[in-house]
Amino acid sequence: MKDPFEIIFEDEYVVVLNKIAKILVQPSPKKEKLTLSSLLAKKLNEKVYPCHRLDRETSGLIIYAKSNSVQKKIMDQFRRGEVRKKYIAFVKGKMKKRSGEIENYILDKEGAKFGEKAKKAKTRYRVLGESDEFSVVELVPLTGRTNQLRIQFAKLGHPILGERRYAFRRDFPIDFKRLALHSFFVSFIHPISRDRVNLEIEMAQDMGEFLRDLSV
């Protein structure tokens, strides 16, 4: 099996991957054996610790630590809002404003099952391009709620193309074969050197081809 990821940054403490879509980061309750974490551990021949999560359907940058202590330091940065992330998404329709901030209270479906309360979520966005049927949008989450981007844009009436949990297939005039969401930029403070690490990658191949085919 070809690796479903590319190593973008690695040292003795941290490794950052560009993940393809359709692979889980960690096992679900179904206890899948092939996950991004298991494949990376096998490739590096050492245990690895994810510092955050990306949905199975989402592609792009994800940070792993090579020890529990480094994982904790990076997860603490997430909690303090020190990690910066940017995404590209294709969303249904045309946005009324070319840029702005979305702020509301959201709750993902799993949280609702366990009686959790809705939490405030905030996202900055700007439109990079559009057609009659969808828009290409850069998203900067300012909070880190579960499924934040997916829920907020579905609530706005502009669900991300390929969304199946918070929208219905019939809602989309144009189809994308997976969730059209790609994490293209991440910035964090190195847990040992304390230097800021900024990493940026290109749009996912399938998303780029989709735009070229439609000449957007």
N, C-alpha and C. Protein backbone atom coordinates (compact mmCIF):
# COMPACT_ATOMS: atom_id res chain seq x y z
N MET A 1 0.85 -1.21 0.00
CA MET A 1 0.00 0.00 0.00
C MET A 1 0.88 1.25 0.00
N LYS A 2 0.61 2.15 -0.92
CA LYS A 2 1.33 3.42 -0.95
C LYS A 2 0.94 4.25 0.27
N ASP A 3 1.91 4.96 0.84
CA ASP A 3 1.61 5.78 2.02
C ASP A 3 0.51 6.79 1.70
N PRO A 4 -0.52 6.88 2.56
CA PRO A 4 -1.59 7.85 2.33
C PRO A 4 -1.23 9.23 2.91
N PHE A 5 0.07 9.51 2.96
CA PHE A 5 0.52 10.78 3.50
C PHE A 5 1.90 11.11 2.94
N GLU A 6 2.25 12.38 3.07
CA GLU A 6 3.59 12.86 2.72
C GLU A 6 4.14 13.57 3.95
N ILE A 7 5.38 13.29 4.31
CA ILE A 7 6.00 13.98 5.45
C ILE A 7 6.47 15.36 4.98
N ILE A 8 5.94 16.40 5.62
CA ILE A 8 6.27 17.78 5.24
C ILE A 8 7.37 18.34 6.14
N PHE A 9 7.38 17.91 7.40
CA PHE A 9 8.37 18.40 8.37
C PHE A 9 8.63 17.27 9.35
N GLU A 10 9.91 17.09 9.70
CA GLU A 10 10.23 16.08 10.72
C GLU A 10 11.54 16.43 11.42
N ASP A 11 11.55 16.27 12.73
CA ASP A 11 12.78 16.29 13.50
C ASP A 11 12.63 15.24 14.60
N GLU A 12 13.45 15.27 15.62
CA GLU A 12 13.39 14.20 16.62
C GLU A 12 12.20 14.33 17.57
N TYR A 13 11.45 15.45 17.47
CA TYR A 13 10.33 15.68 18.39
C TYR A 13 8.96 15.68 17.72
N VAL A 14 8.92 16.15 16.48
CA VAL A 14 7.65 16.44 15.81
C VAL A 14 7.71 15.94 14.36
N VAL A 15 6.56 15.51 13.86
CA VAL A 15 6.44 15.23 12.43
C VAL A 15 5.09 15.78 11.96
N VAL A 16 5.10 16.46 10.81
CA VAL A 16 3.88 17.04 10.25
C VAL A 16 3.63 16.39 8.90
N LEU A 17 2.42 15.90 8.70
CA LEU A 17 2.05 15.18 7.49
C LEU A 17 1.07 15.96 6.64
N ASN A 18 1.10 15.69 5.34
CA ASN A 18 0.02 16.04 4.43
C ASN A 18 -0.77 14.76 4.21
N LYS A 19 -1.96 14.70 4.79
CA LYS A 19 -2.81 13.50 4.78
C LYS A 19 -3.74 13.52 3.57
N ILE A 20 -3.91 12.37 2.94
CA ILE A 20 -4.94 12.28 1.90
C ILE A 20 -6.30 12.13 2.57
N ALA A 21 -7.36 12.32 1.78
CA ALA A 21 -8.71 12.10 2.30
C ALA A 21 -8.99 10.60 2.41
N LYS A 22 -10.04 10.26 3.13
CA LYS A 22 -10.57 8.90 3.23
C LYS A 22 -9.80 7.99 4.18
N ILE A 23 -8.94 8.53 5.04
CA ILE A 23 -8.29 7.69 6.03
C ILE A 23 -8.47 8.30 7.41
N LEU A 24 -8.79 7.45 8.38
CA LEU A 24 -8.96 7.89 9.76
C LEU A 24 -7.61 8.20 10.40
N VAL A 25 -7.60 9.20 11.27
CA VAL A 25 -6.38 9.51 12.02
C VAL A 25 -6.17 8.47 13.12
N GLN A 26 -7.21 8.20 13.90
CA GLN A 26 -7.19 7.24 15.00
C GLN A 26 -8.34 6.25 14.83
N PRO A 27 -8.26 5.06 15.43
CA PRO A 27 -9.37 4.11 15.31
C PRO A 27 -10.67 4.68 15.91
N SER A 28 -11.76 4.36 15.26
CA SER A 28 -13.09 4.69 15.79
C SER A 28 -13.50 3.55 16.73
N PRO A 29 -14.73 3.58 17.28
CA PRO A 29 -15.18 2.44 18.10
C PRO A 29 -15.18 1.11 17.34
N LYS A 30 -15.09 1.17 16.01
CA LYS A 30 -15.03 -0.06 15.22
C LYS A 30 -13.64 -0.71 15.28
N LYS A 31 -12.67 0.04 15.89
CA LYS A 31 -11.31 -0.50 16.10
C LYS A 31 -10.59 -0.84 14.79
N GLU A 32 -10.62 0.08 13.83
CA GLU A 32 -9.90 -0.13 12.58
C GLU A 32 -8.40 -0.29 12.84
N LYS A 33 -7.77 -1.21 12.14
CA LYS A 33 -6.34 -1.45 12.34
C LYS A 33 -5.48 -0.54 11.47
N LEU A 34 -5.98 -0.20 10.28
CA LEU A 34 -5.22 0.67 9.38
C LEU A 34 -5.70 2.11 9.56
N THR A 35 -4.90 2.91 10.21
CA THR A 35 -5.19 4.32 10.40
C THR A 35 -3.95 5.12 10.04
N LEU A 36 -4.10 6.41 9.94
CA LEU A 36 -2.95 7.27 9.67
C LEU A 36 -1.89 7.07 10.75
N SER A 37 -2.32 7.01 12.01
CA SER A 37 -1.37 6.86 13.12
C SER A 37 -0.62 5.53 13.04
N SER A 38 -1.32 4.45 12.73
CA SER A 38 -0.65 3.14 12.68
C SER A 38 0.32 3.07 11.51
N LEU A 39 -0.06 3.65 10.37
CA LEU A 39 0.82 3.62 9.20
C LEU A 39 2.06 4.49 9.39
N LEU A 40 1.88 5.63 10.04
CA LEU A 40 3.04 6.49 10.32
C LEU A 40 3.98 5.82 11.32
N ALA A 41 3.41 5.22 12.36
CA ALA A 41 4.24 4.54 13.35
C ALA A 41 5.06 3.42 12.70
N LYS A 42 4.43 2.71 11.77
CA LYS A 42 5.12 1.63 11.07
C LYS A 42 6.25 2.19 10.20
N LYS A 43 5.98 3.28 9.52
CA LYS A 43 7.00 3.87 8.63
C LYS A 43 8.19 4.39 9.43
N LEU A 44 7.92 5.04 10.56
CA LEU A 44 9.00 5.62 11.37
C LEU A 44 9.61 4.62 12.34
N ASN A 45 8.91 3.50 12.53
CA ASN A 45 9.33 2.48 13.49
C ASN A 45 9.43 3.04 14.91
N GLU A 46 8.47 3.87 15.25
CA GLU A 46 8.37 4.40 16.61
C GLU A 46 6.94 4.84 16.87
N LYS A 47 6.58 4.96 18.12
CA LYS A 47 5.22 5.37 18.48
C LYS A 47 5.06 6.86 18.18
N VAL A 48 3.85 7.21 17.71
CA VAL A 48 3.55 8.61 17.40
C VAL A 48 2.24 8.99 18.06
N TYR A 49 2.07 10.31 18.29
CA TYR A 49 0.94 10.81 19.07
C TYR A 49 0.30 12.00 18.34
N PRO A 50 -0.92 11.84 17.81
CA PRO A 50 -1.56 12.97 17.12
C PRO A 50 -1.86 14.10 18.09
N CYS A 51 -1.61 15.33 17.65
CA CYS A 51 -1.80 16.50 18.52
C CYS A 51 -3.15 17.18 18.28
N HIS A 52 -3.84 16.78 17.24
CA HIS A 52 -5.19 17.28 16.95
C HIS A 52 -5.80 16.28 15.98
N ARG A 53 -6.95 16.59 15.42
CA ARG A 53 -7.57 15.63 14.52
C ARG A 53 -8.01 16.30 13.22
N LEU A 54 -8.04 15.50 12.18
CA LEU A 54 -8.69 15.87 10.92
C LEU A 54 -9.71 14.78 10.63
N ASP A 55 -10.87 15.15 10.14
CA ASP A 55 -11.88 14.16 9.76
C ASP A 55 -11.32 13.21 8.70
N ARG A 56 -11.90 12.04 8.65
CA ARG A 56 -11.53 11.06 7.62
C ARG A 56 -11.55 11.71 6.22
N GLU A 57 -12.58 12.52 5.97
CA GLU A 57 -12.80 13.08 4.64
C GLU A 57 -11.91 14.29 4.33
N THR A 58 -11.31 14.87 5.35
CA THR A 58 -10.52 16.09 5.17
C THR A 58 -9.07 15.75 4.86
N SER A 59 -8.49 16.49 3.92
CA SER A 59 -7.08 16.29 3.57
C SER A 59 -6.25 17.43 4.16
N GLY A 60 -4.92 17.23 4.14
CA GLY A 60 -4.02 18.32 4.51
C GLY A 60 -3.18 18.07 5.74
N LEU A 61 -2.74 19.16 6.36
CA LEU A 61 -1.69 19.13 7.37
C LEU A 61 -2.19 18.68 8.75
N ILE A 62 -1.43 17.78 9.34
CA ILE A 62 -1.73 17.32 10.70
C ILE A 62 -0.41 17.12 11.44
N ILE A 63 -0.40 17.53 12.71
CA ILE A 63 0.82 17.49 13.53
C ILE A 63 0.82 16.26 14.42
N TYR A 64 1.95 15.56 14.43
CA TYR A 64 2.18 14.44 15.34
C TYR A 64 3.38 14.74 16.23
N ALA A 65 3.32 14.24 17.45
CA ALA A 65 4.46 14.31 18.36
C ALA A 65 5.09 12.92 18.46
N LYS A 66 6.37 12.90 18.85
CA LYS A 66 7.07 11.63 19.00
C LYS A 66 7.18 11.20 20.46
N SER A 67 6.51 11.92 21.35
CA SER A 67 6.46 11.53 22.77
C SER A 67 5.22 12.11 23.40
N ASN A 68 4.82 11.53 24.52
CA ASN A 68 3.66 12.04 25.27
C ASN A 68 3.87 13.47 25.72
N SER A 69 5.09 13.79 26.18
CA SER A 69 5.36 15.12 26.73
C SER A 69 5.27 16.19 25.64
N VAL A 70 5.77 15.89 24.44
CA VAL A 70 5.68 16.85 23.33
C VAL A 70 4.23 16.98 22.87
N GLN A 71 3.51 15.87 22.83
CA GLN A 71 2.09 15.94 22.47
C GLN A 71 1.35 16.89 23.41
N LYS A 72 1.60 16.76 24.71
CA LYS A 72 0.93 17.61 25.69
C LYS A 72 1.25 19.08 25.45
N LYS A 73 2.51 19.39 25.16
CA LYS A 73 2.90 20.79 24.93
C LYS A 73 2.18 21.38 23.73
N ILE A 74 2.08 20.60 22.65
CA ILE A 74 1.42 21.11 21.45
C ILE A 74 -0.09 21.21 21.66
N MET A 75 -0.67 20.22 22.34
CA MET A 75 -2.11 20.29 22.63
C MET A 75 -2.43 21.48 23.53
N ASP A 76 -1.52 21.81 24.44
CA ASP A 76 -1.69 23.01 25.27
C ASP A 76 -1.70 24.27 24.40
N GLN A 77 -0.86 24.29 23.37
CA GLN A 77 -0.85 25.43 22.44
C GLN A 77 -2.21 25.57 21.75
N PHE A 78 -2.79 24.44 21.35
CA PHE A 78 -4.12 24.48 20.74
C PHE A 78 -5.12 25.08 21.72
N ARG A 79 -5.06 24.65 22.97
CA ARG A 79 -6.01 25.15 23.97
C ARG A 79 -5.85 26.65 24.21
N ARG A 80 -4.61 27.13 24.12
CA ARG A 80 -4.35 28.56 24.33
C ARG A 80 -4.55 29.40 23.05
N GLY A 81 -4.89 28.75 21.96
CA GLY A 81 -5.11 29.47 20.70
C GLY A 81 -3.84 29.92 20.03
N GLU A 82 -2.73 29.25 20.30
CA GLU A 82 -1.44 29.66 19.73
C GLU A 82 -1.14 28.99 18.39
N VAL A 83 -1.90 27.95 18.06
CA VAL A 83 -1.72 27.28 16.77
C VAL A 83 -2.63 27.95 15.75
N ARG A 84 -2.07 28.29 14.60
CA ARG A 84 -2.86 28.94 13.54
C ARG A 84 -3.05 27.93 12.40
N LYS A 85 -4.28 27.86 11.92
CA LYS A 85 -4.58 26.93 10.83
C LYS A 85 -5.41 27.64 9.76
N LYS A 86 -5.18 27.25 8.51
CA LYS A 86 -5.98 27.77 7.40
C LYS A 86 -6.42 26.61 6.52
N TYR A 87 -7.65 26.73 6.02
CA TYR A 87 -8.22 25.70 5.16
C TYR A 87 -8.71 26.33 3.86
N ILE A 88 -8.77 25.50 2.83
CA ILE A 88 -9.50 25.82 1.60
C ILE A 88 -10.73 24.93 1.58
N ALA A 89 -11.88 25.51 1.27
CA ALA A 89 -13.11 24.73 1.14
C ALA A 89 -13.88 25.19 -0.10
N PHE A 90 -14.61 24.26 -0.69
CA PHE A 90 -15.60 24.61 -1.72
C PHE A 90 -16.96 24.55 -1.04
N VAL A 91 -17.69 25.65 -1.07
CA VAL A 91 -18.99 25.69 -0.40
C VAL A 91 -20.10 25.98 -1.40
N LYS A 92 -21.27 25.50 -1.09
CA LYS A 92 -22.42 25.65 -1.97
C LYS A 92 -22.80 27.13 -2.15
N GLY A 93 -23.07 27.54 -3.40
CA GLY A 93 -23.61 28.86 -3.69
C GLY A 93 -22.61 29.99 -3.58
N LYS A 94 -23.13 31.21 -3.65
CA LYS A 94 -22.32 32.42 -3.55
C LYS A 94 -22.52 33.05 -2.17
N MET A 95 -21.42 33.42 -1.53
CA MET A 95 -21.50 34.10 -0.24
C MET A 95 -21.97 35.54 -0.45
N LYS A 96 -22.80 36.04 0.46
CA LYS A 96 -23.28 37.43 0.34
C LYS A 96 -22.15 38.42 0.52
N LYS A 97 -21.25 38.14 1.47
CA LYS A 97 -20.09 39.01 1.71
C LYS A 97 -18.83 38.29 1.29
N ARG A 98 -17.90 39.03 0.71
CA ARG A 98 -16.65 38.42 0.22
C ARG A 98 -15.72 38.02 1.37
N SER A 99 -15.91 38.60 2.53
CA SER A 99 -15.10 38.23 3.69
C SER A 99 -15.87 38.58 4.96
N GLY A 100 -15.45 38.00 6.07
CA GLY A 100 -16.12 38.30 7.33
C GLY A 100 -15.79 37.27 8.39
N GLU A 101 -16.52 37.34 9.50
CA GLU A 101 -16.36 36.38 10.58
C GLU A 101 -17.72 35.77 10.92
N ILE A 102 -17.71 34.49 11.18
CA ILE A 102 -18.91 33.77 11.60
C ILE A 102 -18.73 33.43 13.08
N GLU A 103 -19.69 33.81 13.90
CA GLU A 103 -19.62 33.52 15.33
C GLU A 103 -20.98 33.04 15.80
N ASN A 104 -21.05 31.83 16.32
CA ASN A 104 -22.30 31.29 16.83
C ASN A 104 -22.01 30.13 17.77
N TYR A 105 -23.07 29.58 18.35
CA TYR A 105 -22.92 28.42 19.23
C TYR A 105 -23.26 27.17 18.44
N ILE A 106 -22.40 26.17 18.53
CA ILE A 106 -22.60 24.95 17.75
C ILE A 106 -22.40 23.72 18.65
N LEU A 107 -22.94 22.60 18.16
CA LEU A 107 -22.78 21.32 18.84
C LEU A 107 -22.79 20.24 17.77
N ASP A 108 -21.74 19.42 17.72
CA ASP A 108 -21.71 18.35 16.73
C ASP A 108 -22.62 17.20 17.15
N LYS A 109 -22.90 16.31 16.21
CA LYS A 109 -23.89 15.25 16.47
C LYS A 109 -23.44 14.29 17.57
N GLU A 110 -22.15 14.00 17.63
CA GLU A 110 -21.66 13.10 18.68
C GLU A 110 -21.85 13.74 20.05
N GLY A 111 -21.52 15.03 20.15
CA GLY A 111 -21.68 15.74 21.42
C GLY A 111 -23.13 15.77 21.87
N ALA A 112 -24.03 15.94 20.90
CA ALA A 112 -25.46 15.98 21.22
C ALA A 112 -25.92 14.65 21.82
N LYS A 113 -25.36 13.55 21.31
CA LYS A 113 -25.73 12.22 21.83
C LYS A 113 -25.41 12.08 23.31
N PHE A 114 -24.33 12.74 23.73
CA PHE A 114 -23.86 12.59 25.12
C PHE A 114 -24.29 13.77 26.01
N GLY A 115 -25.23 14.57 25.49
CA GLY A 115 -25.80 15.63 26.30
C GLY A 115 -24.88 16.82 26.53
N GLU A 116 -23.87 17.00 25.66
CA GLU A 116 -22.99 18.16 25.81
C GLU A 116 -23.74 19.43 25.45
N LYS A 117 -23.22 20.56 25.91
CA LYS A 117 -23.84 21.85 25.60
C LYS A 117 -23.15 22.49 24.40
N ALA A 118 -23.91 23.29 23.66
CA ALA A 118 -23.33 24.01 22.53
C ALA A 118 -22.25 24.98 23.02
N LYS A 119 -21.21 25.16 22.22
CA LYS A 119 -20.10 26.05 22.58
C LYS A 119 -19.89 27.10 21.49
N LYS A 120 -19.37 28.24 21.92
CA LYS A 120 -19.15 29.33 20.96
C LYS A 120 -18.05 28.95 19.97
N ALA A 121 -18.30 29.20 18.69
CA ALA A 121 -17.33 28.94 17.63
C ALA A 121 -17.17 30.18 16.78
N LYS A 122 -15.94 30.42 16.34
CA LYS A 122 -15.65 31.62 15.56
C LYS A 122 -14.71 31.28 14.42
N THR A 123 -15.06 31.72 13.22
CA THR A 123 -14.28 31.44 12.02
C THR A 123 -14.20 32.69 11.15
N ARG A 124 -13.00 32.98 10.67
CA ARG A 124 -12.81 34.07 9.71
C ARG A 124 -12.77 33.46 8.30
N TYR A 125 -13.38 34.13 7.32
CA TYR A 125 -13.37 33.59 5.97
C TYR A 125 -13.16 34.69 4.93
N ARG A 126 -12.69 34.29 3.76
CA ARG A 126 -12.67 35.19 2.61
C ARG A 126 -12.85 34.37 1.33
N VAL A 127 -13.61 34.91 0.40
CA VAL A 127 -13.90 34.23 -0.86
C VAL A 127 -12.74 34.45 -1.82
N LEU A 128 -12.23 33.34 -2.37
CA LEU A 128 -11.11 33.42 -3.32
C LEU A 128 -11.58 33.33 -4.76
N GLY A 129 -12.75 32.74 -4.98
CA GLY A 129 -13.29 32.59 -6.33
C GLY A 129 -14.69 32.02 -6.23
N GLU A 130 -15.46 32.15 -7.31
CA GLU A 130 -16.83 31.63 -7.26
C GLU A 130 -17.36 31.35 -8.66
N SER A 131 -18.34 30.46 -8.71
CA SER A 131 -19.13 30.23 -9.92
C SER A 131 -20.59 30.39 -9.51
N ASP A 132 -21.50 30.08 -10.39
CA ASP A 132 -22.92 30.20 -10.02
C ASP A 132 -23.31 29.18 -8.95
N GLU A 133 -22.58 28.05 -8.90
CA GLU A 133 -23.02 26.95 -8.05
C GLU A 133 -22.22 26.78 -6.76
N PHE A 134 -20.98 27.28 -6.72
CA PHE A 134 -20.19 27.12 -5.51
C PHE A 134 -19.11 28.20 -5.43
N SER A 135 -18.55 28.35 -4.22
CA SER A 135 -17.50 29.32 -3.96
C SER A 135 -16.27 28.62 -3.40
N VAL A 136 -15.10 29.16 -3.73
CA VAL A 136 -13.83 28.70 -3.15
C VAL A 136 -13.50 29.67 -2.02
N VAL A 137 -13.39 29.15 -0.80
CA VAL A 137 -13.29 30.00 0.37
C VAL A 137 -12.08 29.60 1.22
N GLU A 138 -11.33 30.61 1.69
CA GLU A 138 -10.27 30.37 2.67
C GLU A 138 -10.87 30.53 4.06
N LEU A 139 -10.62 29.56 4.93
CA LEU A 139 -11.21 29.55 6.27
C LEU A 139 -10.12 29.55 7.33
N VAL A 140 -10.28 30.41 8.32
CA VAL A 140 -9.35 30.47 9.44
C VAL A 140 -10.14 30.26 10.72
N PRO A 141 -10.13 29.04 11.29
CA PRO A 141 -10.87 28.82 12.54
C PRO A 141 -10.16 29.52 13.70
N LEU A 142 -10.91 30.32 14.44
CA LEU A 142 -10.35 31.05 15.58
C LEU A 142 -10.65 30.33 16.90
N THR A 143 -11.51 29.31 16.82
CA THR A 143 -11.74 28.39 17.94
C THR A 143 -11.59 26.98 17.37
N GLY A 144 -11.58 25.97 18.22
CA GLY A 144 -11.31 24.61 17.77
C GLY A 144 -12.40 23.63 18.11
N ARG A 145 -13.64 23.96 17.79
CA ARG A 145 -14.76 23.06 18.10
C ARG A 145 -14.80 21.89 17.11
N THR A 146 -15.31 20.76 17.57
CA THR A 146 -15.43 19.58 16.72
C THR A 146 -16.35 19.86 15.54
N ASN A 147 -15.87 19.58 14.34
CA ASN A 147 -16.63 19.79 13.09
C ASN A 147 -17.07 21.23 12.91
N GLN A 148 -16.31 22.16 13.48
CA GLN A 148 -16.68 23.58 13.47
C GLN A 148 -17.00 24.11 12.06
N LEU A 149 -16.08 23.93 11.13
CA LEU A 149 -16.26 24.51 9.80
C LEU A 149 -17.46 23.88 9.09
N ARG A 150 -17.60 22.59 9.24
CA ARG A 150 -18.70 21.87 8.59
C ARG A 150 -20.05 22.35 9.12
N ILE A 151 -20.16 22.49 10.43
CA ILE A 151 -21.44 22.88 11.04
C ILE A 151 -21.75 24.34 10.72
N GLN A 152 -20.77 25.22 10.87
CA GLN A 152 -21.04 26.65 10.67
C GLN A 152 -21.50 26.95 9.24
N PHE A 153 -20.85 26.34 8.26
CA PHE A 153 -21.24 26.64 6.88
C PHE A 153 -22.55 25.97 6.49
N ALA A 154 -22.84 24.82 7.08
CA ALA A 154 -24.15 24.20 6.86
C ALA A 154 -25.26 25.08 7.44
N LYS A 155 -25.01 25.62 8.64
CA LYS A 155 -26.00 26.50 9.28
C LYS A 155 -26.23 27.78 8.47
N LEU A 156 -25.18 28.23 7.78
CA LEU A 156 -25.30 29.44 6.94
C LEU A 156 -26.08 29.21 5.66
N GLY A 157 -26.29 27.94 5.33
CA GLY A 157 -26.90 27.62 4.05
C GLY A 157 -25.89 27.47 2.94
N HIS A 158 -24.62 27.38 3.31
CA HIS A 158 -23.53 27.18 2.34
C HIS A 158 -22.70 25.96 2.75
N PRO A 159 -23.33 24.77 2.82
CA PRO A 159 -22.56 23.59 3.25
C PRO A 159 -21.37 23.32 2.34
N ILE A 160 -20.34 22.73 2.92
CA ILE A 160 -19.16 22.36 2.14
C ILE A 160 -19.56 21.24 1.17
N LEU A 161 -19.11 21.36 -0.09
CA LEU A 161 -19.43 20.33 -1.07
C LEU A 161 -18.98 18.96 -0.55
N GLY A 162 -19.80 17.96 -0.78
CA GLY A 162 -19.50 16.61 -0.30
C GLY A 162 -19.96 16.35 1.12
N GLU A 163 -20.54 17.34 1.77
CA GLU A 163 -21.03 17.18 3.15
C GLU A 163 -22.18 16.18 3.17
N ARG A 164 -22.09 15.19 4.06
CA ARG A 164 -23.16 14.19 4.17
C ARG A 164 -23.73 14.11 5.59
N ARG A 165 -23.04 14.68 6.56
CA ARG A 165 -23.50 14.60 7.95
C ARG A 165 -24.42 15.76 8.29
N TYR A 166 -24.12 16.95 7.80
CA TYR A 166 -24.89 18.15 8.16
C TYR A 166 -25.65 18.72 6.96
N ALA A 167 -25.68 17.96 5.87
CA ALA A 167 -26.47 18.35 4.69
C ALA A 167 -26.80 17.07 3.93
N PHE A 168 -27.71 17.18 2.96
CA PHE A 168 -28.13 16.02 2.17
C PHE A 168 -27.57 16.13 0.76
N ARG A 169 -27.26 14.99 0.17
CA ARG A 169 -26.72 14.97 -1.19
C ARG A 169 -27.61 15.76 -2.15
N ARG A 170 -28.92 15.63 -1.98
CA ARG A 170 -29.85 16.32 -2.90
C ARG A 170 -29.77 17.84 -2.78
N ASP A 171 -29.15 18.34 -1.71
CA ASP A 171 -29.04 19.80 -1.52
C ASP A 171 -28.03 20.44 -2.46
N PHE A 172 -27.18 19.62 -3.11
CA PHE A 172 -26.07 20.18 -3.88
C PHE A 172 -26.34 20.13 -5.38
N PRO A 173 -26.20 21.26 -6.07
CA PRO A 173 -26.37 21.27 -7.53
C PRO A 173 -25.15 20.67 -8.25
N ILE A 174 -24.05 20.54 -7.52
CA ILE A 174 -22.82 20.01 -8.10
C ILE A 174 -22.19 19.07 -7.07
N ASP A 175 -21.59 17.99 -7.56
CA ASP A 175 -21.11 16.95 -6.65
C ASP A 175 -19.59 16.95 -6.56
N PHE A 176 -19.09 16.70 -5.35
CA PHE A 176 -17.67 16.45 -5.14
C PHE A 176 -17.59 15.13 -4.38
N LYS A 177 -16.64 14.29 -4.73
CA LYS A 177 -16.67 12.91 -4.27
C LYS A 177 -16.33 12.73 -2.79
N ARG A 178 -15.87 13.78 -2.13
CA ARG A 178 -15.61 13.71 -0.69
C ARG A 178 -15.84 15.10 -0.13
N LEU A 179 -15.62 15.28 1.15
CA LEU A 179 -15.76 16.61 1.74
C LEU A 179 -14.68 17.52 1.17
N ALA A 180 -15.08 18.61 0.54
CA ALA A 180 -14.13 19.51 -0.15
C ALA A 180 -13.49 20.46 0.85
N LEU A 181 -12.65 19.89 1.72
CA LEU A 181 -12.01 20.66 2.79
C LEU A 181 -10.56 20.21 2.90
N HIS A 182 -9.63 21.18 2.87
CA HIS A 182 -8.20 20.88 2.84
C HIS A 182 -7.46 21.84 3.75
N SER A 183 -6.70 21.29 4.69
CA SER A 183 -5.90 22.10 5.62
C SER A 183 -4.55 22.40 4.94
N PHE A 184 -4.36 23.65 4.50
CA PHE A 184 -3.18 23.95 3.69
C PHE A 184 -2.09 24.73 4.45
N PHE A 185 -2.40 25.20 5.66
CA PHE A 185 -1.42 25.99 6.40
C PHE A 185 -1.54 25.68 7.88
N VAL A 186 -0.39 25.52 8.55
CA VAL A 186 -0.39 25.39 10.00
C VAL A 186 0.85 26.09 10.55
N SER A 187 0.69 26.72 11.69
CA SER A 187 1.78 27.44 12.34
C SER A 187 1.72 27.14 13.83
N PHE A 188 2.85 26.68 14.38
CA PHE A 188 2.89 26.36 15.82
C PHE A 188 4.28 26.70 16.37
N ILE A 189 4.36 26.76 17.68
CA ILE A 189 5.64 27.04 18.34
C ILE A 189 6.32 25.72 18.62
N HIS A 190 7.55 25.55 18.14
CA HIS A 190 8.24 24.29 18.37
C HIS A 190 8.38 24.05 19.87
N PRO A 191 7.96 22.87 20.35
CA PRO A 191 7.91 22.65 21.80
C PRO A 191 9.27 22.63 22.48
N ILE A 192 10.36 22.49 21.74
CA ILE A 192 11.69 22.45 22.33
C ILE A 192 12.48 23.73 22.02
N SER A 193 12.58 24.09 20.75
CA SER A 193 13.37 25.27 20.38
C SER A 193 12.64 26.58 20.66
N ARG A 194 11.29 26.50 20.73
CA ARG A 194 10.41 27.67 20.93
C ARG A 194 10.36 28.58 19.70
N ASP A 195 10.94 28.16 18.58
CA ASP A 195 10.80 28.90 17.33
C ASP A 195 9.42 28.62 16.74
N ARG A 196 8.86 29.60 16.03
CA ARG A 196 7.58 29.35 15.37
C ARG A 196 7.84 28.63 14.05
N VAL A 197 7.09 27.56 13.82
CA VAL A 197 7.19 26.76 12.60
C VAL A 197 5.97 27.07 11.74
N ASN A 198 6.20 27.55 10.52
CA ASN A 198 5.12 27.87 9.58
C ASN A 198 5.22 26.91 8.39
N LEU A 199 4.15 26.19 8.12
CA LEU A 199 4.15 25.22 7.03
C LEU A 199 2.94 25.45 6.12
N GLU A 200 3.19 25.44 4.81
CA GLU A 200 2.12 25.66 3.84
C GLU A 200 2.29 24.70 2.68
N ILE A 201 1.19 24.12 2.22
CA ILE A 201 1.22 23.20 1.09
C ILE A 201 0.20 23.66 0.05
N GLU A 202 0.27 23.03 -1.12
CA GLU A 202 -0.67 23.35 -2.20
C GLU A 202 -2.04 22.75 -1.92
N MET A 203 -3.00 23.19 -2.70
CA MET A 203 -4.34 22.61 -2.65
C MET A 203 -4.26 21.11 -2.98
N ALA A 204 -5.13 20.32 -2.38
CA ALA A 204 -5.17 18.89 -2.66
C ALA A 204 -5.37 18.66 -4.16
N GLN A 205 -4.76 17.60 -4.67
CA GLN A 205 -4.78 17.33 -6.11
C GLN A 205 -6.20 17.21 -6.66
N ASP A 206 -7.07 16.48 -5.95
CA ASP A 206 -8.43 16.29 -6.47
C ASP A 206 -9.20 17.60 -6.51
N MET A 207 -8.94 18.48 -5.54
CA MET A 207 -9.63 19.78 -5.53
C MET A 207 -9.11 20.67 -6.67
N GLY A 208 -7.80 20.64 -6.90
CA GLY A 208 -7.22 21.42 -8.00
C GLY A 208 -7.74 20.96 -9.35
N GLU A 209 -7.84 19.65 -9.52
CA GLU A 209 -8.35 19.11 -10.79
C GLU A 209 -9.81 19.47 -10.99
N PHE A 210 -10.57 19.46 -9.92
CA PHE A 210 -11.99 19.83 -9.97
C PHE A 210 -12.14 21.27 -10.47
N LEU A 211 -11.31 22.18 -9.95
CA LEU A 211 -11.38 23.58 -10.40
C LEU A 211 -10.94 23.72 -11.85
N ARG A 212 -9.89 23.01 -12.23
CA ARG A 212 -9.42 23.11 -13.62
C ARG A 212 -10.46 22.60 -14.60
N ASP A 213 -11.12 21.49 -14.24
CA ASP A 213 -12.16 20.94 -15.12
C ASP A 213 -13.32 21.90 -15.31
N LEU A 214 -13.61 22.69 -14.27
CA LEU A 214 -14.74 23.63 -14.33
C LEU A 214 -14.28 25.05 -14.72
N SER A 215 -12.95 25.22 -14.86
CA SER A 215 -12.37 26.52 -15.24
C SER A 215 -12.79 27.64 -14.29
N VAL A 216 -12.74 27.37 -12.98
CA VAL A 216 -13.10 28.38 -11.99
C VAL A 216 -11.85 29.17 -11.63
